[in-house]
Protein backbone atom coordinates (compact mmCIF):
# COMPACT_ATOMS: atom_id res chain seq x y z
CA UNK A 1 7.13 -1.48 5.70
CA UNK A 2 5.73 -5.06 6.01
CA UNK A 3 8.69 -7.56 6.59
CA UNK A 4 9.99 -9.55 3.46
CA UNK A 5 9.31 -13.21 3.20
CA UNK A 6 12.76 -14.02 4.18
CA UNK A 7 12.24 -12.48 7.53
CA UNK A 8 10.33 -15.66 8.37
CA UNK A 9 13.21 -18.30 8.29
CA UNK A 10 11.85 -22.03 8.08
CA UNK A 11 8.19 -20.87 7.79
CA UNK A 12 5.73 -22.10 5.00
CA UNK A 13 4.61 -19.80 2.52
CA UNK A 14 1.08 -20.08 3.98
CA UNK A 15 2.47 -18.94 7.54
CA UNK A 16 4.38 -16.13 5.92
CA UNK A 17 1.23 -14.84 4.06
CA UNK A 18 -0.95 -14.88 7.03
CA UNK A 19 1.62 -13.31 9.10
CA UNK A 20 2.10 -10.42 6.46
CA UNK A 21 -1.76 -10.03 6.36
CA UNK A 22 -1.96 -10.04 9.98
CA UNK A 23 0.71 -7.12 10.26
CA UNK A 24 -1.34 -5.19 7.65
CA UNK A 25 -4.77 -5.55 9.67
CA UNK A 26 -2.83 -4.57 12.89
CA UNK A 27 -1.45 -1.43 11.38
CA UNK A 28 -4.87 -0.77 10.00
CA UNK A 29 -6.62 -0.84 13.27
CA UNK A 30 -3.98 1.43 14.57
CA UNK A 31 -3.94 4.04 11.73
CA UNK A 32 -7.79 4.39 10.74
CA UNK A 33 -9.38 7.26 12.31
CA UNK A 34 -12.95 7.76 10.78
CA UNK A 35 -13.51 10.93 9.21
CA UNK A 36 -9.87 12.03 9.05
CA UNK A 37 -8.23 12.04 5.65
CA UNK A 38 -5.42 9.56 5.51
CA UNK A 39 -2.79 8.35 3.11
CA UNK A 40 -1.60 4.73 3.43
CA UNK A 41 1.47 3.95 1.43
CA UNK A 42 4.77 1.82 1.42
CA UNK A 43 6.20 -1.51 0.72
CA UNK A 44 3.65 -4.05 1.72
CA UNK A 45 5.54 -6.88 0.18
CA UNK A 46 2.43 -8.80 -0.65
CA UNK A 47 0.18 -8.54 -3.75
CA UNK A 48 -2.55 -9.40 -1.51
CA UNK A 49 -2.41 -6.04 0.67
CA UNK A 50 -5.38 -4.25 -1.44
CA UNK A 51 -7.72 -6.73 -0.47
CA UNK A 52 -6.81 -6.02 3.22
CA UNK A 53 -6.44 -2.50 3.19
CA UNK A 54 -9.70 -1.77 1.09
CA UNK A 55 -11.64 -3.60 4.16
CA UNK A 56 -10.83 -0.52 6.01
CA UNK A 57 -12.41 1.89 3.47
CA UNK A 58 -9.20 2.79 1.72
CA UNK A 59 -9.04 3.08 -2.10
CA UNK A 60 -5.88 2.33 -4.36
CA UNK A 61 -4.85 5.61 -6.02
CA UNK A 62 -3.15 3.69 -8.95
CA UNK A 63 -5.23 3.62 -12.18
CA UNK A 64 -2.92 1.12 -13.67
CA UNK A 65 -1.59 -2.35 -12.54
CA UNK A 66 2.24 -1.71 -13.37
CA UNK A 67 4.74 -3.33 -11.51
CA UNK A 68 6.73 -1.51 -8.71
CA UNK A 69 9.73 -3.83 -8.32
CA UNK A 70 12.40 -4.71 -10.53
CA UNK A 71 11.35 -8.42 -10.25
CA UNK A 72 7.94 -7.59 -11.95
CA UNK A 73 5.64 -7.63 -8.70
CA UNK A 74 3.35 -4.95 -7.44
CA UNK A 75 4.27 -4.70 -3.97
CA UNK A 76 4.13 -1.05 -3.47
CA UNK A 77 0.81 0.63 -2.71
CA UNK A 78 -0.83 4.15 -2.05
CA UNK A 79 -4.18 3.98 -0.60
CA UNK A 80 -6.38 6.97 0.37
CA UNK A 81 -9.51 7.66 2.32
CA UNK A 82 -12.77 8.63 0.32
CA UNK A 83 -12.35 12.36 1.42
CA UNK A 84 -9.33 12.56 -0.30
CA UNK A 85 -9.43 13.26 -4.21
CA UNK A 86 -6.86 12.05 -6.54
CA UNK A 87 -5.88 14.67 -9.18
CA UNK A 88 -2.78 12.87 -10.58
CA UNK A 89 -0.36 9.79 -9.98
CA UNK A 90 2.91 9.15 -11.83
CA UNK A 91 5.32 6.06 -11.33
CA UNK A 92 8.81 7.15 -10.95
CA UNK A 93 11.76 4.96 -11.68
CA UNK A 94 14.64 5.97 -9.54
CA UNK A 95 16.99 3.86 -11.82
CA UNK A 96 19.69 2.60 -9.25
CA UNK A 97 18.60 4.19 -6.00
CA UNK A 98 16.21 1.41 -5.18
CA UNK A 99 14.67 -1.87 -6.82
CA UNK A 100 11.08 -0.25 -6.16
CA UNK A 101 9.70 2.48 -8.19
CA UNK A 102 8.10 5.40 -6.55
CA UNK A 103 4.31 6.54 -7.13
CA UNK A 104 3.92 10.18 -6.81
CA UNK A 105 0.55 11.06 -5.84
CA UNK A 106 -1.06 14.55 -5.99
CA UNK A 107 -4.48 15.15 -4.58
CA UNK A 108 -6.71 17.37 -2.57
CA UNK A 109 -9.11 17.23 0.41
CA UNK A 110 -12.64 16.42 -0.63
CA UNK A 111 -15.83 18.22 0.44
CA UNK A 112 -16.61 15.77 3.14
CA UNK A 113 -13.79 16.42 5.68
CA UNK A 114 -13.51 16.64 9.40
């Protein structure tokens, strides 16, 4: 979970976006293990997350760009490494439990796994 913008009081929008990007990059460096199947998912609190996460070799499992929050933004993402194969994804609305929708991912290991 990347911290929301209001976690940075009195900071500019540019500062907040840069801080979120840095947080995602640091997580990527800690998470990535070449050759190991990996799922990286959550509330990234920024629509620029795909550009950063994809630079680590991950792919977005969403086949649509539907909003994942009640505000109409797409801030929640599920990314996978190339050695995982998506079988299906479903966007679920928990109706009242959260202001975020949940993406159910079903997949399998690909042929090229460690």
